[in-house]
Amino acid sequence: MSEASNETTSTKPKTGWLNIAVDYGPLIVFLAVYKFSSPSAHAPLEQIAAVIKGTIAFMVAAVAALAFSKWKFGKVSPMLLLSTALIVGFGALTIWLRDERFIQFKPTAIYLLFGVLLVGGWLRGKALLQTLLEAAFEGVDQAGWLKLSRNWGFFFFFLAALNEVLRAQLSFEDWLWAKLWVFMPLSFLFTFTQLPMLLRHGLAIEDKDEVMKDQPPTGE
């Protein structure tokens, strides 16, 4: 029995870093294309051209990440599907109207949507995160899932407010770097703060390292 259990544990797929790549890969593609275009701060036409090139690459990378998720994991999470739809929608508006504010507002829309879904589900006694992350957080009881959904929901509201503050205060390029060096570390830090609560609600000790890798998709 013990050998069978060990074999199951050893063959359990480790997909956490792939999930992170799917989530943040399109953002890194956006940054790379934008920087490669080398917009001048004193040439607004060059900057909007770089934004449009980056946005096109962002949209293509987001759709590719969704297709990869379907191929690799056999399914696409509802949150990833929604975030990809918003990336394509706000990206199209950015290109059509030649206004980078639409692509900057996209994360706010995603965070608000996810926050409403998670907190709304929690208020109705439904832990929506459980359908997304149950394989990663084995052993967590229903109360733990409800708390995790609630906490992530309010955290998404915080990220939405933070994005609005940063996009109002920073240049477009600085805002782009903040997405990588502020929002991603904050997400990992928040995930870490949930460990004690998850452990109290039955999270298997051997799975705790996977908690830092498997997070709700943020649709960056």
C-alpha atoms as a PDB file:
ATOM      1  CA  MET A   1       0.000   0.000   0.000  1.00  0.00           C
ATOM      2  CA  SER A   2       2.852   2.312   0.930  1.00  0.00           C
ATOM      3  CA  GLU A   3       4.734   1.516  -2.290  1.00  0.00           C
ATOM      4  CA  ALA A   4       1.643   2.238  -4.366  1.00  0.00           C
ATOM      5  CA  SER A   5       1.158   5.538  -2.556  1.00  0.00           C
ATOM      6  CA  ASN A   6       4.790   6.502  -3.118  1.00  0.00           C
ATOM      7  CA  GLU A   7       4.503   5.607  -6.803  1.00  0.00           C
ATOM      8  CA  THR A   8       1.406   7.777  -7.146  1.00  0.00           C
ATOM      9  CA  THR A   9       3.148  10.675  -5.433  1.00  0.00           C
ATOM     10  CA  SER A  10       6.286  10.333  -7.539  1.00  0.00           C
ATOM     11  CA  THR A  11       4.319  10.268 -10.792  1.00  0.00           C
ATOM     12  CA  LYS A  12       2.118  13.204  -9.892  1.00  0.00           C
ATOM     13  CA  PRO A  13       2.642  15.772 -12.654  1.00  0.00           C
ATOM     14  CA  LYS A  14       4.403  18.943 -11.552  1.00  0.00           C
ATOM     15  CA  THR A  15       2.742  21.604 -13.652  1.00  0.00           C
ATOM     16  CA  GLY A  16       3.090  24.620 -11.373  1.00  0.00           C
ATOM     17  CA  TRP A  17       5.861  26.381 -13.281  1.00  0.00           C
ATOM     18  CA  LEU A  18       4.078  25.710 -16.564  1.00  0.00           C
ATOM     19  CA  ASN A  19       0.994  27.417 -15.127  1.00  0.00           C
ATOM     20  CA  ILE A  20       3.131  30.429 -14.236  1.00  0.00           C
ATOM     21  CA  ALA A  21       4.610  30.473 -17.749  1.00  0.00           C
ATOM     22  CA  VAL A  22       1.102  30.376 -19.248  1.00  0.00           C
ATOM     23  CA  ASP A  23       0.015  33.224 -16.958  1.00  0.00           C
ATOM     24  CA  TYR A  24       3.020  35.567 -17.273  1.00  0.00           C
ATOM     25  CA  GLY A  25       4.487  34.506 -20.634  1.00  0.00           C
ATOM     26  CA  PRO A  26       2.278  36.830 -22.729  1.00  0.00           C
ATOM     27  CA  LEU A  27       3.239  39.798 -20.526  1.00  0.00           C
ATOM     28  CA  ILE A  28       6.949  39.057 -21.010  1.00  0.00           C
ATOM     29  CA  VAL A  29       6.347  38.853 -24.775  1.00  0.00           C
ATOM     30  CA  PHE A  30       4.644  42.266 -24.616  1.00  0.00           C
ATOM     31  CA  LEU A  31       7.609  43.759 -22.747  1.00  0.00           C
ATOM     32  CA  ALA A  32      10.145  42.240 -25.137  1.00  0.00           C
ATOM     33  CA  VAL A  33       8.399  43.491 -28.275  1.00  0.00           C
ATOM     34  CA  TYR A  34       7.799  46.942 -26.773  1.00  0.00           C
ATOM     35  CA  LYS A  35      11.465  47.304 -25.732  1.00  0.00           C
ATOM     36  CA  PHE A  36      12.716  45.974 -29.076  1.00  0.00           C
ATOM     37  CA  SER A  37      10.705  48.689 -30.808  1.00  0.00           C
ATOM     38  CA  SER A  38      12.683  51.243 -28.731  1.00  0.00           C
ATOM     39  CA  PRO A  39      10.095  54.025 -28.519  1.00  0.00           C
ATOM     40  CA  SER A  40      11.353  57.520 -27.801  1.00  0.00           C
ATOM     41  CA  ALA A  41       9.811  59.349 -24.855  1.00  0.00           C
ATOM     42  CA  HIS A  42       9.851  62.498 -27.006  1.00  0.00           C
ATOM     43  CA  ALA A  43       8.158  60.869 -30.001  1.00  0.00           C
ATOM     44  CA  PRO A  44       4.524  60.035 -29.194  1.00  0.00           C
ATOM     45  CA  LEU A  45       3.945  58.450 -32.618  1.00  0.00           C
ATOM     46  CA  GLU A  46       6.858  56.068 -32.072  1.00  0.00           C
ATOM     47  CA  GLN A  47       5.543  55.157 -28.643  1.00  0.00           C
ATOM     48  CA  ILE A  48       2.029  54.353 -29.803  1.00  0.00           C
ATOM     49  CA  ALA A  49       3.498  52.318 -32.682  1.00  0.00           C
ATOM     50  CA  ALA A  50       5.543  50.320 -30.156  1.00  0.00           C
ATOM     51  CA  VAL A  51       2.453  49.873 -27.978  1.00  0.00           C
ATOM     52  CA  ILE A  52       0.474  48.552 -30.939  1.00  0.00           C
ATOM     53  CA  LYS A  53       3.254  46.116 -31.906  1.00  0.00           C
ATOM     54  CA  GLY A  54       3.469  44.934 -28.303  1.00  0.00           C
ATOM     55  CA  THR A  55      -0.305  44.613 -28.068  1.00  0.00           C
ATOM     56  CA  ILE A  56      -0.487  42.478 -31.199  1.00  0.00           C
ATOM     57  CA  ALA A  57       2.257  40.230 -29.820  1.00  0.00           C
ATOM     58  CA  PHE A  58       0.439  40.151 -26.452  1.00  0.00           C
ATOM     59  CA  MET A  59      -2.801  39.011 -28.073  1.00  0.00           C
ATOM     60  CA  VAL A  60      -1.078  36.320 -30.134  1.00  0.00           C
ATOM     61  CA  ALA A  61       0.899  35.090 -27.098  1.00  0.00           C
ATOM     62  CA  ALA A  62      -2.258  34.996 -24.940  1.00  0.00           C
ATOM     63  CA  VAL A  63      -4.115  32.871 -27.501  1.00  0.00           C
ATOM     64  CA  ALA A  64      -1.033  30.642 -27.884  1.00  0.00           C
ATOM     65  CA  ALA A  65      -0.852  30.230 -24.091  1.00  0.00           C
ATOM     66  CA  LEU A  66      -4.516  29.229 -24.029  1.00  0.00           C
ATOM     67  CA  ALA A  67      -3.937  26.679 -26.811  1.00  0.00           C
ATOM     68  CA  PHE A  68      -0.874  25.345 -24.974  1.00  0.00           C
ATOM     69  CA  SER A  69      -2.904  24.978 -21.775  1.00  0.00           C
ATOM     70  CA  LYS A  70      -5.526  22.977 -23.656  1.00  0.00           C
ATOM     71  CA  TRP A  71      -2.857  20.751 -25.257  1.00  0.00           C
ATOM     72  CA  LYS A  72      -0.709  20.242 -22.157  1.00  0.00           C
ATOM     73  CA  PHE A  73      -3.325  20.022 -19.404  1.00  0.00           C
ATOM     74  CA  GLY A  74      -6.264  18.774 -21.461  1.00  0.00           C
ATOM     75  CA  LYS A  75      -8.482  21.670 -20.401  1.00  0.00           C
ATOM     76  CA  VAL A  76      -8.675  25.443 -20.164  1.00  0.00           C
ATOM     77  CA  SER A  77      -9.678  27.015 -16.845  1.00  0.00           C
ATOM     78  CA  PRO A  78     -12.645  29.411 -16.984  1.00  0.00           C
ATOM     79  CA  MET A  79     -10.459  32.184 -15.542  1.00  0.00           C
ATOM     80  CA  LEU A  80      -7.833  31.746 -18.259  1.00  0.00           C
ATOM     81  CA  LEU A  81     -10.563  31.740 -20.902  1.00  0.00           C
ATOM     82  CA  LEU A  82     -12.053  34.954 -19.500  1.00  0.00           C
ATOM     83  CA  SER A  83      -8.703  36.694 -19.157  1.00  0.00           C
ATOM     84  CA  THR A  84      -7.728  35.761 -22.739  1.00  0.00           C
ATOM     85  CA  ALA A  85     -11.038  37.116 -24.022  1.00  0.00           C
ATOM     86  CA  LEU A  86     -10.419  40.400 -22.192  1.00  0.00           C
ATOM     87  CA  ILE A  87      -6.831  40.588 -23.481  1.00  0.00           C
ATOM     88  CA  VAL A  88      -8.074  40.203 -27.050  1.00  0.00           C
ATOM     89  CA  GLY A  89     -10.971  42.623 -26.505  1.00  0.00           C
ATOM     90  CA  PHE A  90      -9.001  45.428 -24.841  1.00  0.00           C
ATOM     91  CA  GLY A  91      -6.079  44.778 -27.187  1.00  0.00           C
ATOM     92  CA  ALA A  92      -8.334  45.271 -30.186  1.00  0.00           C
ATOM     93  CA  LEU A  93      -9.574  48.563 -28.715  1.00  0.00           C
ATOM     94  CA  THR A  94      -5.973  49.681 -28.125  1.00  0.00           C
ATOM     95  CA  ILE A  95      -5.065  48.979 -31.754  1.00  0.00           C
ATOM     96  CA  TRP A  96      -8.253  50.440 -33.217  1.00  0.00           C
ATOM     97  CA  LEU A  97      -8.237  53.661 -31.187  1.00  0.00           C
ATOM     98  CA  ARG A  98      -4.412  53.870 -30.902  1.00  0.00           C
ATOM     99  CA  ASP A  99      -4.724  54.509 -27.163  1.00  0.00           C
ATOM    100  CA  GLU A 100      -2.577  52.574 -24.661  1.00  0.00           C
ATOM    101  CA  ARG A 101      -5.004  53.339 -21.818  1.00  0.00           C
ATOM    102  CA  PHE A 102      -7.196  50.424 -22.903  1.00  0.00           C
ATOM    103  CA  ILE A 103      -4.415  47.869 -22.497  1.00  0.00           C
ATOM    104  CA  GLN A 104      -3.550  49.476 -19.143  1.00  0.00           C
ATOM    105  CA  PHE A 105      -7.141  49.152 -17.944  1.00  0.00           C
ATOM    106  CA  LYS A 106      -7.302  45.480 -18.983  1.00  0.00           C
ATOM    107  CA  PRO A 107      -5.696  44.161 -15.741  1.00  0.00           C
ATOM    108  CA  THR A 108      -8.096  46.252 -13.667  1.00  0.00           C
ATOM    109  CA  ALA A 109     -11.047  44.709 -15.514  1.00  0.00           C
ATOM    110  CA  ILE A 110      -9.642  41.200 -15.040  1.00  0.00           C
ATOM    111  CA  TYR A 111      -8.922  41.714 -11.329  1.00  0.00           C
ATOM    112  CA  LEU A 112     -12.375  43.163 -10.722  1.00  0.00           C
ATOM    113  CA  LEU A 113     -14.044  40.318 -12.627  1.00  0.00           C
ATOM    114  CA  PHE A 114     -12.130  37.633 -10.749  1.00  0.00           C
ATOM    115  CA  GLY A 115     -12.749  39.417  -7.446  1.00  0.00           C
ATOM    116  CA  VAL A 116     -16.491  39.592  -8.057  1.00  0.00           C
ATOM    117  CA  LEU A 117     -16.628  35.926  -9.102  1.00  0.00           C
ATOM    118  CA  LEU A 118     -14.640  34.659  -6.106  1.00  0.00           C
ATOM    119  CA  VAL A 119     -16.231  36.850  -3.435  1.00  0.00           C
ATOM    120  CA  GLY A 120     -19.679  36.330  -4.956  1.00  0.00           C
ATOM    121  CA  GLY A 121     -19.136  32.573  -4.875  1.00  0.00           C
ATOM    122  CA  TRP A 122     -17.930  32.762  -1.267  1.00  0.00           C
ATOM    123  CA  LEU A 123     -21.043  34.706  -0.233  1.00  0.00           C
ATOM    124  CA  ARG A 124     -23.154  31.934  -1.799  1.00  0.00           C
ATOM    125  CA  GLY A 125     -21.134  29.235  -0.062  1.00  0.00           C
ATOM    126  CA  LYS A 126     -19.331  28.156  -3.239  1.00  0.00           C
ATOM    127  CA  ALA A 127     -15.523  27.915  -3.438  1.00  0.00           C
ATOM    128  CA  LEU A 128     -14.869  28.605  -7.114  1.00  0.00           C
ATOM    129  CA  LEU A 129     -11.120  28.157  -6.707  1.00  0.00           C
ATOM    130  CA  GLN A 130     -11.670  24.529  -5.763  1.00  0.00           C
ATOM    131  CA  THR A 131     -12.563  23.614  -9.348  1.00  0.00           C
ATOM    132  CA  LEU A 132      -9.319  25.221 -10.560  1.00  0.00           C
ATOM    133  CA  LEU A 133      -6.760  24.191  -7.949  1.00  0.00           C
ATOM    134  CA  GLU A 134      -8.076  21.100  -6.165  1.00  0.00           C
ATOM    135  CA  ALA A 135      -5.401  18.830  -7.680  1.00  0.00           C
ATOM    136  CA  ALA A 136      -2.667  21.127  -6.329  1.00  0.00           C
ATOM    137  CA  PHE A 137      -4.092  21.532  -2.802  1.00  0.00           C
ATOM    138  CA  GLU A 138      -4.931  17.959  -1.856  1.00  0.00           C
ATOM    139  CA  GLY A 139      -6.582  17.421   1.515  1.00  0.00           C
ATOM    140  CA  VAL A 140      -7.929  20.959   1.997  1.00  0.00           C
ATOM    141  CA  ASP A 141     -11.440  20.855   3.456  1.00  0.00           C
ATOM    142  CA  GLN A 142     -14.433  22.847   2.254  1.00  0.00           C
ATOM    143  CA  ALA A 143     -13.994  25.572   4.878  1.00  0.00           C
ATOM    144  CA  GLY A 144     -10.402  26.031   3.734  1.00  0.00           C
ATOM    145  CA  TRP A 145     -11.438  26.356   0.103  1.00  0.00           C
ATOM    146  CA  LEU A 146     -14.078  28.932   1.001  1.00  0.00           C
ATOM    147  CA  LYS A 147     -11.526  30.997   2.922  1.00  0.00           C
ATOM    148  CA  LEU A 148      -8.999  30.739   0.081  1.00  0.00           C
ATOM    149  CA  SER A 149     -11.582  31.872  -2.479  1.00  0.00           C
ATOM    150  CA  ARG A 150     -12.622  34.779  -0.253  1.00  0.00           C
ATOM    151  CA  ASN A 151      -9.032  35.859   0.418  1.00  0.00           C
ATOM    152  CA  TRP A 152      -8.033  35.736  -3.242  1.00  0.00           C
ATOM    153  CA  GLY A 153     -11.189  37.618  -4.179  1.00  0.00           C
ATOM    154  CA  PHE A 154     -10.360  40.526  -1.882  1.00  0.00           C
ATOM    155  CA  PHE A 155      -6.723  40.383  -2.977  1.00  0.00           C
ATOM    156  CA  PHE A 156      -7.863  40.791  -6.587  1.00  0.00           C
ATOM    157  CA  PHE A 157      -9.824  43.896  -5.542  1.00  0.00           C
ATOM    158  CA  PHE A 158      -6.617  45.249  -3.985  1.00  0.00           C
ATOM    159  CA  LEU A 159      -4.674  44.546  -7.199  1.00  0.00           C
ATOM    160  CA  ALA A 160      -7.340  46.347  -9.248  1.00  0.00           C
ATOM    161  CA  ALA A 161      -7.016  49.456  -7.068  1.00  0.00           C
ATOM    162  CA  LEU A 162      -3.207  49.255  -7.170  1.00  0.00           C
ATOM    163  CA  ASN A 163      -3.206  49.012 -10.956  1.00  0.00           C
ATOM    164  CA  GLU A 164      -5.336  52.134 -11.215  1.00  0.00           C
ATOM    165  CA  VAL A 165      -2.995  54.052  -8.901  1.00  0.00           C
ATOM    166  CA  LEU A 166       0.134  52.951 -10.787  1.00  0.00           C
ATOM    167  CA  ARG A 167      -1.223  53.652 -14.251  1.00  0.00           C
ATOM    168  CA  ALA A 168      -2.200  57.147 -13.114  1.00  0.00           C
ATOM    169  CA  GLN A 169       1.210  57.859 -11.559  1.00  0.00           C
ATOM    170  CA  LEU A 170       3.718  56.094 -13.833  1.00  0.00           C
ATOM    171  CA  SER A 171       4.781  56.378 -17.445  1.00  0.00           C
ATOM    172  CA  PHE A 172       3.616  53.579 -19.732  1.00  0.00           C
ATOM    173  CA  GLU A 173       6.995  51.843 -19.711  1.00  0.00           C
ATOM    174  CA  ASP A 174       7.360  52.118 -15.925  1.00  0.00           C
ATOM    175  CA  TRP A 175       3.854  50.717 -15.563  1.00  0.00           C
ATOM    176  CA  LEU A 176       4.843  47.769 -17.760  1.00  0.00           C
ATOM    177  CA  TRP A 177       7.843  46.981 -15.553  1.00  0.00           C
ATOM    178  CA  ALA A 178       5.671  47.324 -12.456  1.00  0.00           C
ATOM    179  CA  LYS A 179       3.493  44.522 -13.822  1.00  0.00           C
ATOM    180  CA  LEU A 180       6.539  42.262 -13.691  1.00  0.00           C
ATOM    181  CA  TRP A 181       8.385  43.506 -10.601  1.00  0.00           C
ATOM    182  CA  VAL A 182       5.479  44.580  -8.375  1.00  0.00           C
ATOM    183  CA  PHE A 183       2.413  42.508  -9.206  1.00  0.00           C
ATOM    184  CA  MET A 184       4.141  39.164  -9.669  1.00  0.00           C
ATOM    185  CA  PRO A 185       6.120  39.312  -6.368  1.00  0.00           C
ATOM    186  CA  LEU A 186       2.987  40.501  -4.550  1.00  0.00           C
ATOM    187  CA  SER A 187       1.065  37.506  -5.908  1.00  0.00           C
ATOM    188  CA  PHE A 188       3.739  35.080  -4.731  1.00  0.00           C
ATOM    189  CA  LEU A 189       3.948  36.778  -1.337  1.00  0.00           C
ATOM    190  CA  PHE A 190       0.181  36.632  -0.917  1.00  0.00           C
ATOM    191  CA  THR A 191       0.181  32.949  -1.874  1.00  0.00           C
ATOM    192  CA  PHE A 192       2.818  32.318   0.809  1.00  0.00           C
ATOM    193  CA  THR A 193       0.665  34.033   3.459  1.00  0.00           C
ATOM    194  CA  GLN A 194      -2.128  31.523   2.740  1.00  0.00           C
ATOM    195  CA  LEU A 195       0.018  28.511   3.692  1.00  0.00           C
ATOM    196  CA  PRO A 196      -0.695  28.538   7.456  1.00  0.00           C
ATOM    197  CA  MET A 197      -4.446  28.700   6.859  1.00  0.00           C
ATOM    198  CA  LEU A 198      -4.309  25.903   4.266  1.00  0.00           C
ATOM    199  CA  LEU A 199      -2.242  23.714   6.584  1.00  0.00           C
ATOM    200  CA  ARG A 200      -4.813  24.195   9.355  1.00  0.00           C
ATOM    201  CA  HIS A 201      -7.499  23.047   6.924  1.00  0.00           C
ATOM    202  CA  GLY A 202      -5.834  19.809   5.883  1.00  0.00           C
ATOM    203  CA  LEU A 203      -3.277  20.674   3.189  1.00  0.00           C
ATOM    204  CA  ALA A 204      -0.901  17.723   2.866  1.00  0.00           C
ATOM    205  CA  ILE A 205       2.602  18.689   4.027  1.00  0.00           C
ATOM    206  CA  GLU A 206       4.214  17.163   0.941  1.00  0.00           C
ATOM    207  CA  ASP A 207       2.101  19.464  -1.267  1.00  0.00           C
ATOM    208  CA  LYS A 208       3.030  22.755   0.373  1.00  0.00           C
ATOM    209  CA  ASP A 209       5.830  23.528  -2.093  1.00  0.00           C
ATOM    210  CA  GLU A 210       3.364  23.213  -4.946  1.00  0.00           C
ATOM    211  CA  VAL A 211       1.190  25.919  -3.384  1.00  0.00           C
ATOM    212  CA  MET A 212       3.821  28.500  -4.358  1.00  0.00           C
ATOM    213  CA  LYS A 213       3.723  27.310  -7.954  1.00  0.00           C
ATOM    214  CA  ASP A 214      -0.002  26.779  -8.481  1.00  0.00           C
ATOM    215  CA  GLN A 215      -1.860  30.049  -8.161  1.00  0.00           C
ATOM    216  CA  PRO A 216      -5.114  31.377  -9.527  1.00  0.00           C
ATOM    217  CA  PRO A 217      -4.419  32.730 -13.035  1.00  0.00           C
ATOM    218  CA  THR A 218      -4.083  36.496 -12.971  1.00  0.00           C
ATOM    219  CA  GLY A 219      -4.387  37.128 -16.670  1.00  0.00           C
ATOM    220  CA  GLU A 220      -1.390  39.432 -16.861  1.00  0.00           C
END
